[in-house]
C-alpha atoms as a PDB file:
ATOM      1  CA  MET A   1     -11.255  -3.201 -21.917  1.00  0.00           C
ATOM      2  CA  PRO A   2      -8.424  -3.457 -24.458  1.00  0.00           C
ATOM      3  CA  GLU A   3      -7.874  -6.989 -25.727  1.00  0.00           C
ATOM      4  CA  GLY A   4      -4.743  -8.873 -26.683  1.00  0.00           C
ATOM      5  CA  PRO A   5      -4.195  -7.195 -30.076  1.00  0.00           C
ATOM      6  CA  GLU A   6      -4.359  -3.728 -28.517  1.00  0.00           C
ATOM      7  CA  ILE A   7      -2.006  -4.704 -25.681  1.00  0.00           C
ATOM      8  CA  HIS A   8       0.503  -6.193 -28.125  1.00  0.00           C
ATOM      9  CA  ARG A   9       0.391  -3.012 -30.203  1.00  0.00           C
ATOM     10  CA  GLU A  10       0.987  -0.918 -27.072  1.00  0.00           C
ATOM     11  CA  ALA A  11       3.949  -3.135 -26.204  1.00  0.00           C
ATOM     12  CA  ASP A  12       5.275  -2.602 -29.739  1.00  0.00           C
ATOM     13  CA  SER A  13       5.004   1.179 -29.332  1.00  0.00           C
ATOM     14  CA  ILE A  14       6.801   1.128 -25.975  1.00  0.00           C
ATOM     15  CA  ARG A  15       9.511  -1.157 -27.374  1.00  0.00           C
ATOM     16  CA  ASN A  16      10.053   1.074 -30.400  1.00  0.00           C
ATOM     17  CA  ALA A  17      10.356   4.128 -28.146  1.00  0.00           C
ATOM     18  CA  VAL A  18      12.583   2.966 -25.290  1.00  0.00           C
ATOM     19  CA  HIS A  19      14.093  -0.457 -26.039  1.00  0.00           C
ATOM     20  CA  GLN A  20      17.845  -0.663 -25.359  1.00  0.00           C
ATOM     21  CA  SER A  21      17.817   2.879 -23.953  1.00  0.00           C
ATOM     22  CA  GLU A  22      18.927   4.044 -20.532  1.00  0.00           C
ATOM     23  CA  CYS A  23      16.104   5.099 -18.244  1.00  0.00           C
ATOM     24  CA  ARG A  24      17.053   8.654 -17.245  1.00  0.00           C
ATOM     25  CA  TYR A  25      14.001   9.296 -15.084  1.00  0.00           C
ATOM     26  CA  ILE A  26      11.241   7.136 -13.670  1.00  0.00           C
ATOM     27  CA  TYR A  27       8.090   8.027 -11.750  1.00  0.00           C
ATOM     28  CA  PHE A  28       5.620   5.808  -9.897  1.00  0.00           C
ATOM     29  CA  HIS A  29       2.338   7.182  -8.571  1.00  0.00           C
ATOM     30  CA  HIS A  30       1.833   4.473  -5.951  1.00  0.00           C
ATOM     31  CA  GLU A  31       3.763   5.003  -2.720  1.00  0.00           C
ATOM     32  CA  HIS A  32       4.789   1.357  -2.325  1.00  0.00           C
ATOM     33  CA  LEU A  33       6.606   1.582  -5.671  1.00  0.00           C
ATOM     34  CA  LYS A  34       8.491   4.804  -4.888  1.00  0.00           C
ATOM     35  CA  PRO A  35      11.641   2.970  -3.647  1.00  0.00           C
ATOM     36  CA  PHE A  36      12.046   1.517  -7.132  1.00  0.00           C
ATOM     37  CA  GLU A  37      12.422   4.952  -8.720  1.00  0.00           C
ATOM     38  CA  GLU A  38      16.023   5.200  -7.559  1.00  0.00           C
ATOM     39  CA  LYS A  39      16.717   1.513  -8.198  1.00  0.00           C
ATOM     40  CA  LEU A  40      15.605   1.665 -11.847  1.00  0.00           C
ATOM     41  CA  THR A  41      16.960   5.079 -12.800  1.00  0.00           C
ATOM     42  CA  GLY A  42      20.085   4.624 -14.907  1.00  0.00           C
ATOM     43  CA  ARG A  43      19.277   1.050 -15.901  1.00  0.00           C
ATOM     44  CA  THR A  44      18.855  -0.011 -19.522  1.00  0.00           C
ATOM     45  CA  ILE A  45      15.447  -1.145 -20.724  1.00  0.00           C
ATOM     46  CA  GLN A  46      16.248  -4.510 -22.242  1.00  0.00           C
ATOM     47  CA  GLY A  47      12.878  -5.798 -23.360  1.00  0.00           C
ATOM     48  CA  VAL A  48       9.157  -5.112 -23.638  1.00  0.00           C
ATOM     49  CA  SER A  49       6.630  -7.919 -24.057  1.00  0.00           C
ATOM     50  CA  ALA A  50       2.904  -8.583 -23.836  1.00  0.00           C
ATOM     51  CA  LYS A  51       1.271 -11.554 -22.155  1.00  0.00           C
ATOM     52  CA  GLY A  52      -2.484 -11.784 -22.378  1.00  0.00           C
ATOM     53  CA  LYS A  53      -3.636  -8.322 -21.314  1.00  0.00           C
ATOM     54  CA  ALA A  54      -0.481  -7.465 -19.374  1.00  0.00           C
ATOM     55  CA  ILE A  55       2.706  -5.641 -20.399  1.00  0.00           C
ATOM     56  CA  LEU A  56       6.166  -6.478 -19.047  1.00  0.00           C
ATOM     57  CA  ILE A  57       9.088  -4.041 -19.207  1.00  0.00           C
ATOM     58  CA  HIS A  58      12.413  -5.668 -18.388  1.00  0.00           C
ATOM     59  CA  PHE A  59      15.450  -3.792 -17.071  1.00  0.00           C
ATOM     60  CA  ASP A  60      19.063  -4.900 -16.951  1.00  0.00           C
ATOM     61  CA  GLY A  61      19.747  -6.581 -13.660  1.00  0.00           C
ATOM     62  CA  ASP A  62      16.820  -8.478 -12.216  1.00  0.00           C
ATOM     63  CA  LEU A  63      13.757  -6.217 -12.179  1.00  0.00           C
ATOM     64  CA  SER A  64      10.698  -5.957 -14.409  1.00  0.00           C
ATOM     65  CA  ILE A  65       7.630  -3.732 -14.368  1.00  0.00           C
ATOM     66  CA  PHE A  66       4.338  -5.629 -14.659  1.00  0.00           C
ATOM     67  CA  SER A  67       1.242  -3.639 -15.599  1.00  0.00           C
ATOM     68  CA  HIS A  68      -2.316  -4.589 -16.483  1.00  0.00           C
ATOM     69  CA  ASN A  69      -4.421  -1.913 -18.190  1.00  0.00           C
ATOM     70  CA  GLN A  70      -7.650  -3.263 -16.699  1.00  0.00           C
ATOM     71  CA  LEU A  71     -10.615  -1.213 -17.960  1.00  0.00           C
ATOM     72  CA  TYR A  72      -9.191   2.283 -18.332  1.00  0.00           C
ATOM     73  CA  GLY A  73      -5.388   2.045 -18.465  1.00  0.00           C
ATOM     74  CA  LYS A  74      -3.622   3.543 -21.465  1.00  0.00           C
ATOM     75  CA  TRP A  75       0.006   3.991 -22.522  1.00  0.00           C
ATOM     76  CA  TYR A  76       1.163   7.124 -24.359  1.00  0.00           C
ATOM     77  CA  ILE A  77       4.470   7.685 -26.147  1.00  0.00           C
ATOM     78  CA  LYS A  78       5.738  11.290 -26.181  1.00  0.00           C
ATOM     79  CA  HIS A  79       8.985  13.165 -26.690  1.00  0.00           C
ATOM     80  CA  ALA A  80      11.067  13.070 -23.499  1.00  0.00           C
ATOM     81  CA  GLY A  81       9.505  15.342 -20.887  1.00  0.00           C
ATOM     82  CA  ASP A  82       6.280  15.983 -22.822  1.00  0.00           C
ATOM     83  CA  TYR A  83       2.830  14.940 -21.590  1.00  0.00           C
ATOM     84  CA  PRO A  84      -0.474  14.355 -23.398  1.00  0.00           C
ATOM     85  CA  GLU A  85      -3.509  16.541 -22.842  1.00  0.00           C
ATOM     86  CA  THR A  86      -5.697  14.223 -20.798  1.00  0.00           C
ATOM     87  CA  ASN A  87      -7.768  14.139 -17.618  1.00  0.00           C
ATOM     88  CA  ARG A  88      -6.339  10.739 -16.769  1.00  0.00           C
ATOM     89  CA  GLU A  89      -4.005  10.312 -13.804  1.00  0.00           C
ATOM     90  CA  LEU A  90      -0.354   9.490 -14.500  1.00  0.00           C
ATOM     91  CA  ARG A  91       0.683   6.214 -12.855  1.00  0.00           C
ATOM     92  CA  VAL A  92       4.082   5.427 -14.429  1.00  0.00           C
ATOM     93  CA  GLU A  93       6.598   7.440 -16.443  1.00  0.00           C
ATOM     94  CA  LEU A  94       9.720   6.002 -18.072  1.00  0.00           C
ATOM     95  CA  ARG A  95      11.905   8.684 -19.663  1.00  0.00           C
ATOM     96  CA  THR A  96      14.955   8.179 -21.853  1.00  0.00           C
ATOM     97  CA  ASP A  97      17.014  10.821 -23.643  1.00  0.00           C
ATOM     98  CA  GLN A  98      14.577  10.825 -26.554  1.00  0.00           C
ATOM     99  CA  LYS A  99      11.193   9.433 -25.491  1.00  0.00           C
ATOM    100  CA  SER A 100       8.800   9.062 -22.574  1.00  0.00           C
ATOM    101  CA  ALA A 101       6.494   6.083 -22.099  1.00  0.00           C
ATOM    102  CA  LEU A 102       3.598   7.114 -19.866  1.00  0.00           C
ATOM    103  CA  LEU A 103       0.956   4.878 -18.298  1.00  0.00           C
ATOM    104  CA  TYR A 104      -2.276   6.544 -17.232  1.00  0.00           C
ATOM    105  CA  SER A 105      -5.242   5.327 -15.161  1.00  0.00           C
ATOM    106  CA  ALA A 106      -4.093   1.729 -14.567  1.00  0.00           C
ATOM    107  CA  SER A 107      -3.746   0.593 -10.944  1.00  0.00           C
ATOM    108  CA  ASP A 108      -2.444  -2.967 -11.294  1.00  0.00           C
ATOM    109  CA  ILE A 109       1.311  -2.250 -11.375  1.00  0.00           C
ATOM    110  CA  GLU A 110       4.178  -4.191  -9.778  1.00  0.00           C
ATOM    111  CA  VAL A 111       7.973  -4.233  -9.859  1.00  0.00           C
ATOM    112  CA  LEU A 112       9.206  -7.814  -9.627  1.00  0.00           C
ATOM    113  CA  ASN A 113      12.380  -9.871  -9.656  1.00  0.00           C
ATOM    114  CA  PRO A 114      12.512 -13.092 -11.753  1.00  0.00           C
ATOM    115  CA  ASP A 115      11.227 -15.373  -8.972  1.00  0.00           C
ATOM    116  CA  GLU A 116       8.378 -13.000  -8.151  1.00  0.00           C
ATOM    117  CA  LEU A 117       7.537 -12.734 -11.833  1.00  0.00           C
ATOM    118  CA  LYS A 118       7.151 -16.516 -12.071  1.00  0.00           C
ATOM    119  CA  ASP A 119       4.682 -16.433  -9.169  1.00  0.00           C
ATOM    120  CA  GLN A 120       2.775 -13.309 -10.240  1.00  0.00           C
ATOM    121  CA  SER A 121      -0.881 -14.307  -9.841  1.00  0.00           C
ATOM    122  CA  TYR A 122      -2.206 -13.079 -13.196  1.00  0.00           C
ATOM    123  CA  LEU A 123       0.673 -14.445 -15.269  1.00  0.00           C
ATOM    124  CA  LYS A 124       0.744 -17.727 -13.377  1.00  0.00           C
ATOM    125  CA  ASN A 125      -2.905 -18.505 -14.022  1.00  0.00           C
ATOM    126  CA  ILE A 126      -3.558 -17.474 -17.622  1.00  0.00           C
ATOM    127  CA  GLY A 127      -3.428 -19.753 -20.629  1.00  0.00           C
ATOM    128  CA  PRO A 128      -1.218 -19.364 -23.701  1.00  0.00           C
ATOM    129  CA  ASP A 129      -1.335 -15.988 -25.427  1.00  0.00           C
ATOM    130  CA  ILE A 130      -3.383 -16.172 -28.649  1.00  0.00           C
ATOM    131  CA  LEU A 131      -0.767 -13.975 -30.375  1.00  0.00           C
ATOM    132  CA  ASP A 132       2.346 -15.585 -28.927  1.00  0.00           C
ATOM    133  CA  ASP A 133       3.534 -18.271 -31.364  1.00  0.00           C
ATOM    134  CA  MET A 134       0.218 -20.120 -31.226  1.00  0.00           C
ATOM    135  CA  SER A 135      -0.850 -22.289 -34.168  1.00  0.00           C
ATOM    136  CA  ALA A 136      -4.262 -23.603 -35.170  1.00  0.00           C
ATOM    137  CA  GLU A 137      -3.033 -27.062 -34.180  1.00  0.00           C
ATOM    138  CA  ASN A 138      -2.177 -25.787 -30.674  1.00  0.00           C
ATOM    139  CA  VAL A 139      -5.626 -24.224 -30.314  1.00  0.00           C
ATOM    140  CA  TYR A 140      -7.274 -27.414 -31.577  1.00  0.00           C
ATOM    141  CA  LYS A 141      -5.488 -29.579 -28.996  1.00  0.00           C
ATOM    142  CA  ARG A 142      -6.523 -27.185 -26.267  1.00  0.00           C
ATOM    143  CA  VAL A 143     -10.182 -26.772 -27.215  1.00  0.00           C
ATOM    144  CA  ALA A 144     -10.618 -30.514 -27.795  1.00  0.00           C
ATOM    145  CA  SER A 145      -9.127 -31.449 -24.406  1.00  0.00           C
ATOM    146  CA  ASP A 146     -11.279 -32.778 -21.574  1.00  0.00           C
ATOM    147  CA  LYS A 147     -10.449 -29.662 -19.572  1.00  0.00           C
ATOM    148  CA  PHE A 148     -12.279 -27.331 -21.961  1.00  0.00           C
ATOM    149  CA  ASN A 149     -14.513 -29.294 -24.343  1.00  0.00           C
ATOM    150  CA  GLY A 150     -17.569 -29.409 -22.077  1.00  0.00           C
ATOM    151  CA  ARG A 151     -18.101 -25.653 -21.792  1.00  0.00           C
ATOM    152  CA  SER A 152     -19.961 -23.368 -24.163  1.00  0.00           C
ATOM    153  CA  PHE A 153     -17.841 -21.428 -26.631  1.00  0.00           C
ATOM    154  CA  ALA A 154     -19.411 -18.208 -25.353  1.00  0.00           C
ATOM    155  CA  ALA A 155     -18.008 -18.834 -21.877  1.00  0.00           C
ATOM    156  CA  LEU A 156     -14.766 -20.450 -22.995  1.00  0.00           C
ATOM    157  CA  LEU A 157     -13.591 -17.519 -25.109  1.00  0.00           C
ATOM    158  CA  LEU A 158     -13.844 -15.124 -22.173  1.00  0.00           C
ATOM    159  CA  ASP A 159     -11.867 -17.429 -19.897  1.00  0.00           C
ATOM    160  CA  GLN A 160      -8.252 -16.255 -19.803  1.00  0.00           C
ATOM    161  CA  HIS A 161      -7.246 -19.730 -18.611  1.00  0.00           C
ATOM    162  CA  PHE A 162      -8.217 -21.036 -22.049  1.00  0.00           C
ATOM    163  CA  LEU A 163      -6.587 -18.506 -24.392  1.00  0.00           C
ATOM    164  CA  SER A 164      -5.290 -15.280 -22.917  1.00  0.00           C
ATOM    165  CA  GLY A 165      -5.819 -12.034 -24.779  1.00  0.00           C
ATOM    166  CA  VAL A 166      -9.235 -12.919 -26.207  1.00  0.00           C
ATOM    167  CA  GLY A 167     -11.994 -10.560 -25.079  1.00  0.00           C
ATOM    168  CA  ASN A 168     -15.488  -9.561 -26.042  1.00  0.00           C
ATOM    169  CA  TYR A 169     -15.117  -8.271 -29.598  1.00  0.00           C
ATOM    170  CA  LEU A 170     -12.760 -11.108 -30.555  1.00  0.00           C
ATOM    171  CA  ARG A 171     -15.229 -13.612 -29.117  1.00  0.00           C
ATOM    172  CA  SER A 172     -18.067 -12.494 -31.402  1.00  0.00           C
ATOM    173  CA  GLU A 173     -15.800 -12.208 -34.433  1.00  0.00           C
ATOM    174  CA  ILE A 174     -14.097 -15.593 -33.987  1.00  0.00           C
ATOM    175  CA  LEU A 175     -17.402 -17.397 -33.522  1.00  0.00           C
ATOM    176  CA  PHE A 176     -18.937 -15.718 -36.568  1.00  0.00           C
ATOM    177  CA  HIS A 177     -15.917 -16.310 -38.781  1.00  0.00           C
ATOM    178  CA  SER A 178     -15.885 -20.001 -37.840  1.00  0.00           C
ATOM    179  CA  GLY A 179     -19.684 -20.377 -38.097  1.00  0.00           C
ATOM    180  CA  VAL A 180     -19.985 -21.620 -34.513  1.00  0.00           C
ATOM    181  CA  ASP A 181     -23.102 -21.330 -32.371  1.00  0.00           C
ATOM    182  CA  PRO A 182     -22.013 -19.493 -29.177  1.00  0.00           C
ATOM    183  CA  SER A 183     -24.097 -21.869 -27.042  1.00  0.00           C
ATOM    184  CA  SER A 184     -22.537 -25.016 -28.462  1.00  0.00           C
ATOM    185  CA  ARG A 185     -19.677 -26.879 -26.797  1.00  0.00           C
ATOM    186  CA  PRO A 186     -16.455 -28.105 -28.390  1.00  0.00           C
ATOM    187  CA  LYS A 187     -17.457 -31.715 -27.803  1.00  0.00           C
ATOM    188  CA  ASP A 188     -20.621 -31.098 -29.859  1.00  0.00           C
ATOM    189  CA  LEU A 189     -18.558 -30.277 -32.973  1.00  0.00           C
ATOM    190  CA  SER A 190     -16.813 -32.517 -35.491  1.00  0.00           C
ATOM    191  CA  GLU A 191     -13.040 -32.547 -35.882  1.00  0.00           C
ATOM    192  CA  SER A 192     -13.268 -30.424 -39.029  1.00  0.00           C
ATOM    193  CA  GLU A 193     -15.529 -27.888 -37.303  1.00  0.00           C
ATOM    194  CA  LEU A 194     -13.137 -27.669 -34.364  1.00  0.00           C
ATOM    195  CA  MET A 195     -10.215 -27.116 -36.726  1.00  0.00           C
ATOM    196  CA  LYS A 196     -12.142 -24.369 -38.507  1.00  0.00           C
ATOM    197  CA  PHE A 197     -12.772 -22.699 -35.146  1.00  0.00           C
ATOM    198  CA  SER A 198      -9.087 -23.025 -34.256  1.00  0.00           C
ATOM    199  CA  GLU A 199      -7.995 -21.497 -37.561  1.00  0.00           C
ATOM    200  CA  SER A 200     -10.458 -18.618 -37.082  1.00  0.00           C
ATOM    201  CA  ALA A 201      -9.201 -17.940 -33.554  1.00  0.00           C
ATOM    202  CA  ILE A 202      -5.676 -17.421 -34.924  1.00  0.00           C
ATOM    203  CA  HIS A 203      -6.722 -15.575 -38.090  1.00  0.00           C
ATOM    204  CA  ILE A 204      -9.084 -13.086 -36.453  1.00  0.00           C
ATOM    205  CA  SER A 205      -6.717 -12.336 -33.566  1.00  0.00           C
ATOM    206  CA  GLN A 206      -3.732 -11.827 -35.850  1.00  0.00           C
ATOM    207  CA  ARG A 207      -5.748  -9.645 -38.221  1.00  0.00           C
ATOM    208  CA  ALA A 208      -6.935  -7.468 -35.310  1.00  0.00           C
ATOM    209  CA  TYR A 209      -3.309  -7.072 -34.237  1.00  0.00           C
ATOM    210  CA  ILE A 210      -1.992  -6.254 -37.705  1.00  0.00           C
ATOM    211  CA  LYS A 211      -4.880  -3.978 -38.686  1.00  0.00           C
ATOM    212  CA  GLY A 212      -5.318  -2.108 -35.408  1.00  0.00           C
ATOM    213  CA  GLY A 213      -8.555  -3.714 -34.234  1.00  0.00           C
ATOM    214  CA  ILE A 214     -10.095  -4.405 -37.637  1.00  0.00           C
ATOM    215  CA  THR A 215     -11.278  -8.002 -38.009  1.00  0.00           C
ATOM    216  CA  ALA A 216     -13.268  -7.815 -41.265  1.00  0.00           C
ATOM    217  CA  ASP A 217     -11.402  -8.577 -44.492  1.00  0.00           C
ATOM    218  CA  ASP A 218     -10.057  -5.795 -46.705  1.00  0.00           C
ATOM    219  CA  GLU A 219     -12.770  -6.024 -49.359  1.00  0.00           C
ATOM    220  CA  THR A 220     -15.532  -5.938 -46.758  1.00  0.00           C
ATOM    221  CA  VAL A 221     -13.954  -2.885 -45.144  1.00  0.00           C
ATOM    222  CA  ARG A 222     -13.565  -1.152 -48.522  1.00  0.00           C
ATOM    223  CA  LYS A 223     -17.232  -1.681 -49.410  1.00  0.00           C
ATOM    224  CA  ALA A 224     -18.390  -0.621 -45.945  1.00  0.00           C
ATOM    225  CA  LYS A 225     -16.367   2.580 -46.068  1.00  0.00           C
ATOM    226  CA  LYS A 226     -17.723   3.350 -49.533  1.00  0.00           C
ATOM    227  CA  ALA A 227     -21.249   2.861 -48.160  1.00  0.00           C
ATOM    228  CA  GLY A 228     -20.516   5.424 -45.432  1.00  0.00           C
ATOM    229  CA  GLU A 229     -20.343   3.089 -42.438  1.00  0.00           C
ATOM    230  CA  LYS A 230     -18.657   4.450 -39.317  1.00  0.00           C
ATOM    231  CA  ARG A 231     -15.446   2.795 -38.157  1.00  0.00           C
ATOM    232  CA  ARG A 232     -17.052   1.074 -35.189  1.00  0.00           C
ATOM    233  CA  HIS A 233     -19.318  -0.703 -37.679  1.00  0.00           C
ATOM    234  CA  TYR A 234     -17.083  -1.310 -40.693  1.00  0.00           C
ATOM    235  CA  ARG A 235     -14.203  -2.758 -38.670  1.00  0.00           C
ATOM    236  CA  HIS A 236     -16.097  -5.926 -37.698  1.00  0.00           C
ATOM    237  CA  TYR A 237     -18.254  -8.651 -39.226  1.00  0.00           C
ATOM    238  CA  VAL A 238     -20.883  -8.715 -36.465  1.00  0.00           C
ATOM    239  CA  PHE A 239     -19.621  -7.042 -33.280  1.00  0.00           C
ATOM    240  CA  SER A 240     -21.622  -3.894 -32.483  1.00  0.00           C
ATOM    241  CA  ARG A 241     -23.601  -4.322 -35.721  1.00  0.00           C
ATOM    242  CA  ASP A 242     -26.970  -5.408 -34.274  1.00  0.00           C
ATOM    243  CA  GLY A 243     -29.864  -4.582 -36.578  1.00  0.00           C
ATOM    244  CA  LYS A 244     -27.604  -4.408 -39.632  1.00  0.00           C
ATOM    245  CA  GLU A 245     -27.286  -6.931 -42.449  1.00  0.00           C
ATOM    246  CA  CYS A 246     -24.960  -9.901 -42.075  1.00  0.00           C
ATOM    247  CA  ARG A 247     -22.065  -9.410 -44.449  1.00  0.00           C
ATOM    248  CA  VAL A 248     -22.386 -13.016 -45.673  1.00  0.00           C
ATOM    249  CA  CYS A 249     -26.079 -13.895 -45.917  1.00  0.00           C
ATOM    250  CA  GLY A 250     -27.866 -10.551 -45.553  1.00  0.00           C
ATOM    251  CA  SER A 251     -30.009 -11.536 -42.565  1.00  0.00           C
ATOM    252  CA  GLU A 252     -30.139  -9.335 -39.475  1.00  0.00           C
ATOM    253  CA  VAL A 253     -27.265  -9.369 -36.993  1.00  0.00           C
ATOM    254  CA  LYS A 254     -28.580 -10.047 -33.483  1.00  0.00           C
ATOM    255  CA  LYS A 255     -27.357  -8.869 -30.095  1.00  0.00           C
ATOM    256  CA  THR A 256     -27.625 -11.081 -27.024  1.00  0.00           C
ATOM    257  CA  ARG A 257     -25.868 -11.615 -23.710  1.00  0.00           C
ATOM    258  CA  LYS A 258     -23.726 -14.622 -22.939  1.00  0.00           C
ATOM    259  CA  SER A 259     -21.637 -15.089 -19.785  1.00  0.00           C
ATOM    260  CA  GLY A 260     -22.638 -11.605 -18.656  1.00  0.00           C
ATOM    261  CA  ARG A 261     -21.294  -9.799 -21.735  1.00  0.00           C
ATOM    262  CA  ARG A 262     -22.890  -8.611 -24.966  1.00  0.00           C
ATOM    263  CA  LEU A 263     -22.423 -10.918 -27.916  1.00  0.00           C
ATOM    264  CA  TYR A 264     -23.307 -10.437 -31.577  1.00  0.00           C
ATOM    265  CA  LEU A 265     -24.128 -13.151 -34.080  1.00  0.00           C
ATOM    266  CA  CYS A 266     -25.900 -14.107 -37.289  1.00  0.00           C
ATOM    267  CA  GLU A 267     -28.425 -16.779 -36.431  1.00  0.00           C
ATOM    268  CA  LEU A 268     -28.537 -18.053 -40.005  1.00  0.00           C
ATOM    269  CA  CYS A 269     -24.770 -18.385 -40.382  1.00  0.00           C
ATOM    270  CA  GLN A 270     -24.099 -19.715 -36.885  1.00  0.00           C
ATOM    271  CA  LEU A 271     -27.130 -21.612 -35.627  1.00  0.00           C
END
């Protein structure tokens, strides 16, 4: 499933393609959304934003499209009227004079007015977006609070109520970068250790957003590429690198399962 950095980058691509443009044609796959095709055609697309793992497209007037990619959803940007070669099923098309924004495979799609948007179940229940004006101090206050400090980091980082947009690869990378044992709890750590975790949560998430999913630092990536590592290995410190050497201490990266999902770690650096 795409995580916050990927969703924010998709929102950027949609914004760059259709922002402040008139929607000349719109298509919805789902029958209950068909009445909105006429209502939205001719309106100007006034904003595109990401929240957690959802994308919001705002039109002039009072309507917005909410979409959640879930496991397989994917947005494509094409010249107006063009379509990608794919076996996926088209669910939404927004077409301006110049560009088309096309959503494939996703099924969680709604058209909402401002009051409905406030009460939308996913948006109403998630925590602050890790990439939306969050600071290390904000993360620290949250992770140190009574609401969250008694749960393991492995579980906490997959809970969208804690920090939305963090998923499985970010979980492993944040915990490694901060040197935190996935099984430990925030209340088991010192203030300085909690601040280090908080700084890593921001740093790793922002780097993944800026670098298109790469969380390892530039020098690490350069050396890994030179050594012939494939992208799925060189892009991260530990995620999907089980059996390989830790980039810090040289011991073997381990793979385990925590909270029902695969997790990668260096036992020497983190335990």
